[in-house]
Structures are given as structure tokens and as C-alpha cells.
């Protein structure tokens, strides 16, 4: 019996070599798209793999390298096109599919996450931001019913911090007529304890929001597996309590 060699020469089953009822397209037809994994759905879009790497392995590698679907959606076209196993045609198909998913989510507001507590806000982006090696500041834009309109990256820096202009925090909120927003930023050190700079920034953003008529609901500082709500702590908001 021929042995499978580990490492560079490891043999990968192609999709055609899989039993018919285990192939992504067959599973989608028989069971529906909802039961397929993200890798299987991407494999259907990509259609073919590379020499030595099945299309399912290619899809799984892309998800791992970019931190899942959310990370993959943020990758620019040129970076995707240059990824091993993609090229211009596959990168275009992938970007188009991800953009359709984004537009569908916007067209169905009842499917958008609703923010009622700091834990709800953390669930939207906290786990992903906790894994970032640089400090990022993001904003959740909310509608009048506290549903998430979109997530926007305001700034990103190095391991020690990010430069933030208050005007940048509100730019997309004004553009999309969002009446409220939530700030989120990560501490790459893993310690979610708010710094003095975090408190000062929060107070400045809250003050600017009052002038603009945009409510700053909260500011979450995200660590490794944990977070702190500055509103809950009464830091930068002028008092304790939830919205």
C-alpha cells in the first residue's frame, strides 16, 4: 500500500475524489446552504484549488490567514489577487460574493445585531479585536433602535497606541446619518484596564457628540478574553450607569 508522505509531498484529496455526498455542491443541493461550513461555501465560489491543494483546503487556508470571513472581507483586492491559489478571477469572485453578503445584511435591518448591553457590543467585534497585534479603534454605528448599521475602523497604530482625531470618529456617523455610536479599541497587552488617555478621549468624543447630536453610547476597551465598559465604570461619561 502506498503511504501518504507528510510535509511538502502530502497528498490531498481533490473534491472530485471525495464521495459524492461529501462534495460541497452536492451537500448544498441535498441539505441546503445553511449546513455548509464557511470553507465549503467559499470552495463553491472559488471552484478549483491548486496543484497539491484542494479547493476546500485553499478556502480553509484563506480563512485562517485572514481571521475568518470578517477579516477576509477587509482584505483589499490587490492583496487577494496576489494570494497563492487565487489570481484576478478568483479574487474578483470572492470580493463580489462578500460584498453581496454585506449588502444583504444592510437590506435586512431585522437581521442586524441589536445592542442592549456592553456584552452585546463586545459580541459584535470583541473576539476578533482581542487577537489584533496592533491597537485599533473601531466604531459601531447604530440606528434609532440600537441596531448595528456598520462597523468602521477609525484608526490603527502600533502595539503602544493609535493616534485618534475626534473628527474622524464621527465622519462615518455623519455620512450615514447614524444617531448613535459605540467606540471599541483593543489593548494588545491583553489588559483591558482603561488608561488615562482612554478616559480623556472618551470625554472629548462624548462632548463632541453632544454638539453634533450623535449619542456616544459606550466605549469598550478590549483585552484578551475580557473587556471594560467606560460608561459602566463612569469614566469619561460624567457618571455611572447604562444608557
C-alpha atoms as a PDB file:
ATOM      1  CA  UNK A   1       0.000   0.000   0.000  1.00  0.00           C
ATOM      2  CA  UNK A   2       1.303   3.432  -0.917  1.00  0.00           C
ATOM      3  CA  UNK A   3       1.907   5.584   2.132  1.00  0.00           C
ATOM      4  CA  UNK A   4       0.878   9.206   2.421  1.00  0.00           C
ATOM      5  CA  UNK A   5       4.015  11.283   2.834  1.00  0.00           C
ATOM      6  CA  UNK A   6       3.802  14.062   5.430  1.00  0.00           C
ATOM      7  CA  UNK A   7       5.013  17.583   4.738  1.00  0.00           C
ATOM      8  CA  UNK A   8       5.603  19.060   1.333  1.00  0.00           C
ATOM      9  CA  UNK A   9       4.610  15.923  -0.584  1.00  0.00           C
ATOM     10  CA  UNK A  10       1.494  15.209   1.450  1.00  0.00           C
ATOM     11  CA  UNK A  11      -1.331  14.017  -0.770  1.00  0.00           C
ATOM     12  CA  UNK A  12      -4.596  15.981  -0.711  1.00  0.00           C
ATOM     13  CA  UNK A  13      -7.881  14.570  -1.962  1.00  0.00           C
ATOM     14  CA  UNK A  14      -9.421  16.710  -4.653  1.00  0.00           C
ATOM     15  CA  UNK A  15     -13.137  17.476  -4.450  1.00  0.00           C
ATOM     16  CA  UNK A  16     -13.784  15.062  -7.310  1.00  0.00           C
ATOM     17  CA  UNK A  17     -12.142  12.279  -5.301  1.00  0.00           C
ATOM     18  CA  UNK A  18     -14.470  12.820  -2.344  1.00  0.00           C
ATOM     19  CA  UNK A  19     -17.594  10.657  -2.061  1.00  0.00           C
ATOM     20  CA  UNK A  20     -20.356  12.413  -3.978  1.00  0.00           C
ATOM     21  CA  UNK A  21     -22.436  13.155  -0.885  1.00  0.00           C
ATOM     22  CA  UNK A  22     -19.444  14.871   0.770  1.00  0.00           C
ATOM     23  CA  UNK A  23     -18.792  17.337  -2.049  1.00  0.00           C
ATOM     24  CA  UNK A  24     -19.827  20.927  -1.223  1.00  0.00           C
ATOM     25  CA  UNK A  25     -22.151  21.374  -4.197  1.00  0.00           C
ATOM     26  CA  UNK A  26     -23.902  18.064  -3.538  1.00  0.00           C
ATOM     27  CA  UNK A  27     -24.280  18.878   0.151  1.00  0.00           C
ATOM     28  CA  UNK A  28     -25.738  22.291  -0.703  1.00  0.00           C
ATOM     29  CA  UNK A  29     -28.225  20.764  -3.150  1.00  0.00           C
ATOM     30  CA  UNK A  30     -29.318  17.998  -0.799  1.00  0.00           C
ATOM     31  CA  UNK A  31     -29.153  19.708   2.599  1.00  0.00           C
ATOM     32  CA  UNK A  32     -29.268  23.448   1.931  1.00  0.00           C
ATOM     33  CA  UNK A  33     -26.596  26.142   2.194  1.00  0.00           C
ATOM     34  CA  UNK A  34     -27.140  26.612   5.930  1.00  0.00           C
ATOM     35  CA  UNK A  35     -25.423  23.361   6.884  1.00  0.00           C
ATOM     36  CA  UNK A  36     -22.226  24.063   4.943  1.00  0.00           C
ATOM     37  CA  UNK A  37     -19.124  25.391   6.677  1.00  0.00           C
ATOM     38  CA  UNK A  38     -17.610  28.727   5.653  1.00  0.00           C
ATOM     39  CA  UNK A  39     -14.808  26.830   3.932  1.00  0.00           C
ATOM     40  CA  UNK A  40     -17.271  24.750   1.904  1.00  0.00           C
ATOM     41  CA  UNK A  41     -19.230  27.824   0.818  1.00  0.00           C
ATOM     42  CA  UNK A  42     -16.027  29.591  -0.239  1.00  0.00           C
ATOM     43  CA  UNK A  43     -14.931  26.440  -2.074  1.00  0.00           C
ATOM     44  CA  UNK A  44     -18.071  26.582  -4.218  1.00  0.00           C
ATOM     45  CA  UNK A  45     -17.281  30.191  -5.133  1.00  0.00           C
ATOM     46  CA  UNK A  46     -13.596  29.514  -5.867  1.00  0.00           C
ATOM     47  CA  UNK A  47     -14.416  26.324  -7.805  1.00  0.00           C
ATOM     48  CA  UNK A  48     -10.842  24.998  -8.166  1.00  0.00           C
ATOM     49  CA  UNK A  49      -7.831  24.596  -5.929  1.00  0.00           C
ATOM     50  CA  UNK A  50      -4.157  24.404  -6.824  1.00  0.00           C
ATOM     51  CA  UNK A  51      -1.753  21.618  -7.527  1.00  0.00           C
ATOM     52  CA  UNK A  52      -1.400  19.777  -4.226  1.00  0.00           C
ATOM     53  CA  UNK A  53      -4.160  21.772  -2.505  1.00  0.00           C
ATOM     54  CA  UNK A  54      -7.864  21.089  -2.919  1.00  0.00           C
ATOM     55  CA  UNK A  55     -10.278  23.970  -3.234  1.00  0.00           C
ATOM     56  CA  UNK A  56     -11.588  23.203   0.279  1.00  0.00           C
ATOM     57  CA  UNK A  57      -8.040  23.357   1.666  1.00  0.00           C
ATOM     58  CA  UNK A  58      -7.485  26.621  -0.206  1.00  0.00           C
ATOM     59  CA  UNK A  59     -10.661  28.098   1.257  1.00  0.00           C
ATOM     60  CA  UNK A  60      -9.743  26.968   4.768  1.00  0.00           C
ATOM     61  CA  UNK A  61      -6.242  28.433   4.433  1.00  0.00           C
ATOM     62  CA  UNK A  62      -7.651  31.815   3.388  1.00  0.00           C
ATOM     63  CA  UNK A  63      -9.990  31.859   6.384  1.00  0.00           C
ATOM     64  CA  UNK A  64      -7.178  31.009   8.800  1.00  0.00           C
ATOM     65  CA  UNK A  65      -4.719  33.506   7.309  1.00  0.00           C
ATOM     66  CA  UNK A  66      -7.189  36.404   7.414  1.00  0.00           C
ATOM     67  CA  UNK A  67      -9.073  35.681  10.637  1.00  0.00           C
ATOM     68  CA  UNK A  68     -12.339  34.334   9.212  1.00  0.00           C
ATOM     69  CA  UNK A  69     -14.949  35.912   6.963  1.00  0.00           C
ATOM     70  CA  UNK A  70     -14.815  39.309   8.652  1.00  0.00           C
ATOM     71  CA  UNK A  71     -11.077  39.574   8.152  1.00  0.00           C
ATOM     72  CA  UNK A  72     -11.302  38.248   4.613  1.00  0.00           C
ATOM     73  CA  UNK A  73     -13.905  40.885   3.741  1.00  0.00           C
ATOM     74  CA  UNK A  74     -11.477  43.635   4.795  1.00  0.00           C
ATOM     75  CA  UNK A  75      -8.585  42.452   2.603  1.00  0.00           C
ATOM     76  CA  UNK A  76      -8.073  44.683  -0.429  1.00  0.00           C
ATOM     77  CA  UNK A  77      -8.351  43.307  -3.941  1.00  0.00           C
ATOM     78  CA  UNK A  78      -4.645  43.506  -4.777  1.00  0.00           C
ATOM     79  CA  UNK A  79      -3.701  41.504  -1.689  1.00  0.00           C
ATOM     80  CA  UNK A  80      -6.261  38.832  -2.523  1.00  0.00           C
ATOM     81  CA  UNK A  81      -5.165  38.676  -6.139  1.00  0.00           C
ATOM     82  CA  UNK A  82      -1.606  38.029  -5.032  1.00  0.00           C
ATOM     83  CA  UNK A  83      -2.516  35.221  -2.634  1.00  0.00           C
ATOM     84  CA  UNK A  84      -1.281  31.772  -3.614  1.00  0.00           C
ATOM     85  CA  UNK A  85      -4.017  29.902  -5.454  1.00  0.00           C
ATOM     86  CA  UNK A  86      -6.218  32.885  -6.288  1.00  0.00           C
ATOM     87  CA  UNK A  87      -5.366  35.279  -9.092  1.00  0.00           C
ATOM     88  CA  UNK A  88      -7.543  38.022 -10.532  1.00  0.00           C
ATOM     89  CA  UNK A  89     -10.643  35.991 -11.484  1.00  0.00           C
ATOM     90  CA  UNK A  90     -10.992  34.160  -8.173  1.00  0.00           C
ATOM     91  CA  UNK A  91     -10.232  37.290  -6.162  1.00  0.00           C
ATOM     92  CA  UNK A  92     -12.964  39.143  -8.066  1.00  0.00           C
ATOM     93  CA  UNK A  93     -15.499  36.365  -7.418  1.00  0.00           C
ATOM     94  CA  UNK A  94     -14.623  36.326  -3.736  1.00  0.00           C
ATOM     95  CA  UNK A  95     -14.872  40.107  -3.294  1.00  0.00           C
ATOM     96  CA  UNK A  96     -18.166  40.165  -5.180  1.00  0.00           C
ATOM     97  CA  UNK A  97     -19.674  37.417  -3.007  1.00  0.00           C
ATOM     98  CA  UNK A  98     -18.582  39.089   0.221  1.00  0.00           C
ATOM     99  CA  UNK A  99     -19.967  42.437  -0.928  1.00  0.00           C
ATOM    100  CA  UNK A 100     -23.316  40.828  -1.778  1.00  0.00           C
ATOM    101  CA  UNK A 101     -23.421  39.403   1.738  1.00  0.00           C
ATOM    102  CA  UNK A 102     -22.718  42.838   3.206  1.00  0.00           C
ATOM    103  CA  UNK A 103     -25.456  44.470   1.115  1.00  0.00           C
ATOM    104  CA  UNK A 104     -27.938  41.764   2.042  1.00  0.00           C
ATOM    105  CA  UNK A 105     -27.272  42.363   5.729  1.00  0.00           C
ATOM    106  CA  UNK A 106     -27.880  46.100   5.249  1.00  0.00           C
ATOM    107  CA  UNK A 107     -31.088  45.414   3.341  1.00  0.00           C
ATOM    108  CA  UNK A 108     -32.469  43.300   6.203  1.00  0.00           C
ATOM    109  CA  UNK A 109     -32.269  45.512   9.298  1.00  0.00           C
ATOM    110  CA  UNK A 110     -34.162  42.951  11.378  1.00  0.00           C
ATOM    111  CA  UNK A 111     -31.155  40.657  10.987  1.00  0.00           C
ATOM    112  CA  UNK A 112     -28.687  43.210  12.325  1.00  0.00           C
ATOM    113  CA  UNK A 113     -27.391  42.772  15.886  1.00  0.00           C
ATOM    114  CA  UNK A 114     -29.202  44.906  18.457  1.00  0.00           C
ATOM    115  CA  UNK A 115     -27.079  46.467  21.194  1.00  0.00           C
ATOM    116  CA  UNK A 116     -28.736  46.459  24.602  1.00  0.00           C
ATOM    117  CA  UNK A 117     -25.713  45.918  26.848  1.00  0.00           C
ATOM    118  CA  UNK A 118     -21.911  46.273  26.657  1.00  0.00           C
ATOM    119  CA  UNK A 119     -21.812  42.494  26.261  1.00  0.00           C
ATOM    120  CA  UNK A 120     -23.848  42.796  23.055  1.00  0.00           C
ATOM    121  CA  UNK A 121     -21.331  45.310  21.664  1.00  0.00           C
ATOM    122  CA  UNK A 122     -18.434  43.064  22.631  1.00  0.00           C
ATOM    123  CA  UNK A 123     -20.093  40.131  20.831  1.00  0.00           C
ATOM    124  CA  UNK A 124     -20.052  42.046  17.539  1.00  0.00           C
ATOM    125  CA  UNK A 125     -16.292  42.585  17.283  1.00  0.00           C
ATOM    126  CA  UNK A 126     -14.630  41.875  20.622  1.00  0.00           C
ATOM    127  CA  UNK A 127     -13.235  38.412  19.963  1.00  0.00           C
ATOM    128  CA  UNK A 128     -11.726  39.484  16.660  1.00  0.00           C
ATOM    129  CA  UNK A 129     -10.205  42.669  18.094  1.00  0.00           C
ATOM    130  CA  UNK A 130      -8.729  40.806  21.051  1.00  0.00           C
ATOM    131  CA  UNK A 131      -6.476  38.910  18.634  1.00  0.00           C
ATOM    132  CA  UNK A 132      -5.079  42.014  16.914  1.00  0.00           C
ATOM    133  CA  UNK A 133      -1.388  42.717  17.439  1.00  0.00           C
ATOM    134  CA  UNK A 134      -1.769  46.464  16.938  1.00  0.00           C
ATOM    135  CA  UNK A 135      -4.143  48.866  18.630  1.00  0.00           C
ATOM    136  CA  UNK A 136      -7.257  49.568  16.577  1.00  0.00           C
ATOM    137  CA  UNK A 137     -10.109  51.962  17.221  1.00  0.00           C
ATOM    138  CA  UNK A 138     -13.425  50.977  15.688  1.00  0.00           C
ATOM    139  CA  UNK A 139     -16.888  52.452  15.822  1.00  0.00           C
ATOM    140  CA  UNK A 140     -20.223  50.639  15.783  1.00  0.00           C
ATOM    141  CA  UNK A 141     -22.768  52.885  14.069  1.00  0.00           C
ATOM    142  CA  UNK A 142     -26.281  52.382  15.449  1.00  0.00           C
ATOM    143  CA  UNK A 143     -29.739  53.231  14.151  1.00  0.00           C
ATOM    144  CA  UNK A 144     -32.613  54.606  16.247  1.00  0.00           C
ATOM    145  CA  UNK A 145     -33.393  51.108  17.562  1.00  0.00           C
ATOM    146  CA  UNK A 146     -29.791  50.400  18.589  1.00  0.00           C
ATOM    147  CA  UNK A 147     -29.249  48.034  15.662  1.00  0.00           C
ATOM    148  CA  UNK A 148     -25.769  47.941  14.149  1.00  0.00           C
ATOM    149  CA  UNK A 149     -25.637  49.751  10.815  1.00  0.00           C
ATOM    150  CA  UNK A 150     -21.977  49.012  10.204  1.00  0.00           C
ATOM    151  CA  UNK A 151     -18.577  48.698  11.857  1.00  0.00           C
ATOM    152  CA  UNK A 152     -15.933  51.253  10.864  1.00  0.00           C
ATOM    153  CA  UNK A 153     -12.201  51.252  11.570  1.00  0.00           C
ATOM    154  CA  UNK A 154     -11.232  54.787  12.611  1.00  0.00           C
ATOM    155  CA  UNK A 155      -7.534  54.286  13.229  1.00  0.00           C
ATOM    156  CA  UNK A 156      -4.868  51.687  13.785  1.00  0.00           C
ATOM    157  CA  UNK A 157      -1.431  52.056  15.282  1.00  0.00           C
ATOM    158  CA  UNK A 158       1.356  50.037  16.822  1.00  0.00           C
ATOM    159  CA  UNK A 159       1.440  47.966  19.995  1.00  0.00           C
ATOM    160  CA  UNK A 160       1.553  51.096  22.155  1.00  0.00           C
ATOM    161  CA  UNK A 161      -1.337  53.083  20.744  1.00  0.00           C
ATOM    162  CA  UNK A 162      -3.117  54.772  17.884  1.00  0.00           C
ATOM    163  CA  UNK A 163      -3.399  58.429  17.009  1.00  0.00           C
ATOM    164  CA  UNK A 164      -7.046  59.495  17.059  1.00  0.00           C
ATOM    165  CA  UNK A 165      -8.703  62.670  15.803  1.00  0.00           C
ATOM    166  CA  UNK A 166     -12.159  63.225  17.292  1.00  0.00           C
ATOM    167  CA  UNK A 167     -13.468  64.388  13.913  1.00  0.00           C
ATOM    168  CA  UNK A 168     -12.576  61.016  12.398  1.00  0.00           C
ATOM    169  CA  UNK A 169     -14.732  59.234  14.978  1.00  0.00           C
ATOM    170  CA  UNK A 170     -17.854  60.990  13.671  1.00  0.00           C
ATOM    171  CA  UNK A 171     -17.067  61.111   9.949  1.00  0.00           C
ATOM    172  CA  UNK A 172     -18.938  57.938   9.007  1.00  0.00           C
ATOM    173  CA  UNK A 173     -21.706  58.528  11.540  1.00  0.00           C
ATOM    174  CA  UNK A 174     -22.468  61.836   9.826  1.00  0.00           C
ATOM    175  CA  UNK A 175     -22.175  60.307   6.357  1.00  0.00           C
ATOM    176  CA  UNK A 176     -24.660  57.534   7.182  1.00  0.00           C
ATOM    177  CA  UNK A 177     -26.949  59.608   9.414  1.00  0.00           C
ATOM    178  CA  UNK A 178     -26.308  57.378  12.415  1.00  0.00           C
ATOM    179  CA  UNK A 179     -27.881  58.835  15.571  1.00  0.00           C
ATOM    180  CA  UNK A 180     -25.620  56.898  17.943  1.00  0.00           C
ATOM    181  CA  UNK A 181     -22.309  55.078  18.086  1.00  0.00           C
ATOM    182  CA  UNK A 182     -20.133  52.912  20.301  1.00  0.00           C
ATOM    183  CA  UNK A 183     -16.336  53.099  20.456  1.00  0.00           C
ATOM    184  CA  UNK A 184     -14.256  49.942  20.718  1.00  0.00           C
ATOM    185  CA  UNK A 185     -10.499  49.686  20.939  1.00  0.00           C
ATOM    186  CA  UNK A 186      -8.133  46.925  21.922  1.00  0.00           C
ATOM    187  CA  UNK A 187      -5.106  46.806  24.194  1.00  0.00           C
ATOM    188  CA  UNK A 188      -2.551  44.472  22.570  1.00  0.00           C
ATOM    189  CA  UNK A 189      -1.028  43.902  26.018  1.00  0.00           C
ATOM    190  CA  UNK A 190      -4.182  41.981  26.901  1.00  0.00           C
ATOM    191  CA  UNK A 191      -5.040  44.164  29.908  1.00  0.00           C
ATOM    192  CA  UNK A 192      -8.409  45.902  29.322  1.00  0.00           C
ATOM    193  CA  UNK A 193      -7.918  48.441  32.131  1.00  0.00           C
ATOM    194  CA  UNK A 194      -8.713  51.903  30.684  1.00  0.00           C
ATOM    195  CA  UNK A 195      -5.760  54.274  30.580  1.00  0.00           C
ATOM    196  CA  UNK A 196      -5.942  57.979  31.353  1.00  0.00           C
ATOM    197  CA  UNK A 197      -5.664  58.632  27.628  1.00  0.00           C
ATOM    198  CA  UNK A 198      -8.687  56.373  27.040  1.00  0.00           C
ATOM    199  CA  UNK A 199     -10.713  58.368  29.568  1.00  0.00           C
ATOM    200  CA  UNK A 200      -9.682  61.715  28.061  1.00  0.00           C
ATOM    201  CA  UNK A 201     -10.564  60.514  24.564  1.00  0.00           C
ATOM    202  CA  UNK A 202     -13.954  59.285  25.769  1.00  0.00           C
ATOM    203  CA  UNK A 203     -14.784  62.614  27.402  1.00  0.00           C
ATOM    204  CA  UNK A 204     -13.749  64.506  24.246  1.00  0.00           C
ATOM    205  CA  UNK A 205     -15.850  62.266  21.992  1.00  0.00           C
ATOM    206  CA  UNK A 206     -18.882  62.473  24.301  1.00  0.00           C
ATOM    207  CA  UNK A 207     -18.633  66.265  24.324  1.00  0.00           C
ATOM    208  CA  UNK A 208     -18.320  66.429  20.535  1.00  0.00           C
ATOM    209  CA  UNK A 209     -21.239  64.033  20.158  1.00  0.00           C
ATOM    210  CA  UNK A 210     -23.455  66.319  22.237  1.00  0.00           C
ATOM    211  CA  UNK A 211     -22.651  69.217  19.902  1.00  0.00           C
ATOM    212  CA  UNK A 212     -23.342  67.093  16.817  1.00  0.00           C
ATOM    213  CA  UNK A 213     -26.487  65.452  18.159  1.00  0.00           C
ATOM    214  CA  UNK A 214     -24.915  61.977  17.994  1.00  0.00           C
ATOM    215  CA  UNK A 215     -25.095  59.922  21.178  1.00  0.00           C
ATOM    216  CA  UNK A 216     -21.936  58.160  22.315  1.00  0.00           C
ATOM    217  CA  UNK A 217     -23.447  55.067  23.930  1.00  0.00           C
ATOM    218  CA  UNK A 218     -20.271  53.487  25.297  1.00  0.00           C
ATOM    219  CA  UNK A 219     -16.549  52.965  24.883  1.00  0.00           C
ATOM    220  CA  UNK A 220     -15.252  49.417  25.295  1.00  0.00           C
ATOM    221  CA  UNK A 221     -11.601  48.621  25.964  1.00  0.00           C
ATOM    222  CA  UNK A 222     -10.882  45.068  24.828  1.00  0.00           C
ATOM    223  CA  UNK A 223      -8.229  42.800  26.280  1.00  0.00           C
ATOM    224  CA  UNK A 224      -7.545  39.086  25.922  1.00  0.00           C
ATOM    225  CA  UNK A 225     -10.895  37.428  26.592  1.00  0.00           C
ATOM    226  CA  UNK A 226     -12.232  40.345  28.623  1.00  0.00           C
ATOM    227  CA  UNK A 227     -13.303  43.972  28.264  1.00  0.00           C
ATOM    228  CA  UNK A 228     -14.174  47.087  30.242  1.00  0.00           C
ATOM    229  CA  UNK A 229     -17.102  49.449  29.601  1.00  0.00           C
ATOM    230  CA  UNK A 230     -16.137  53.037  30.380  1.00  0.00           C
ATOM    231  CA  UNK A 231     -19.794  54.010  30.694  1.00  0.00           C
ATOM    232  CA  UNK A 232     -20.365  51.225  33.203  1.00  0.00           C
ATOM    233  CA  UNK A 233     -17.300  52.400  35.108  1.00  0.00           C
ATOM    234  CA  UNK A 234     -18.441  56.018  34.906  1.00  0.00           C
ATOM    235  CA  UNK A 235     -15.230  57.099  33.176  1.00  0.00           C
ATOM    236  CA  UNK A 236     -15.499  59.880  30.623  1.00  0.00           C
ATOM    237  CA  UNK A 237     -19.303  59.926  30.709  1.00  0.00           C
ATOM    238  CA  UNK A 238     -19.778  62.118  33.777  1.00  0.00           C
ATOM    239  CA  UNK A 239     -21.382  59.442  35.919  1.00  0.00           C
ATOM    240  CA  UNK A 240     -22.224  55.777  36.372  1.00  0.00           C
ATOM    241  CA  UNK A 241     -24.994  53.822  34.760  1.00  0.00           C
ATOM    242  CA  UNK A 242     -26.059  52.342  31.455  1.00  0.00           C
ATOM    243  CA  UNK A 243     -27.756  54.058  28.567  1.00  0.00           C
END
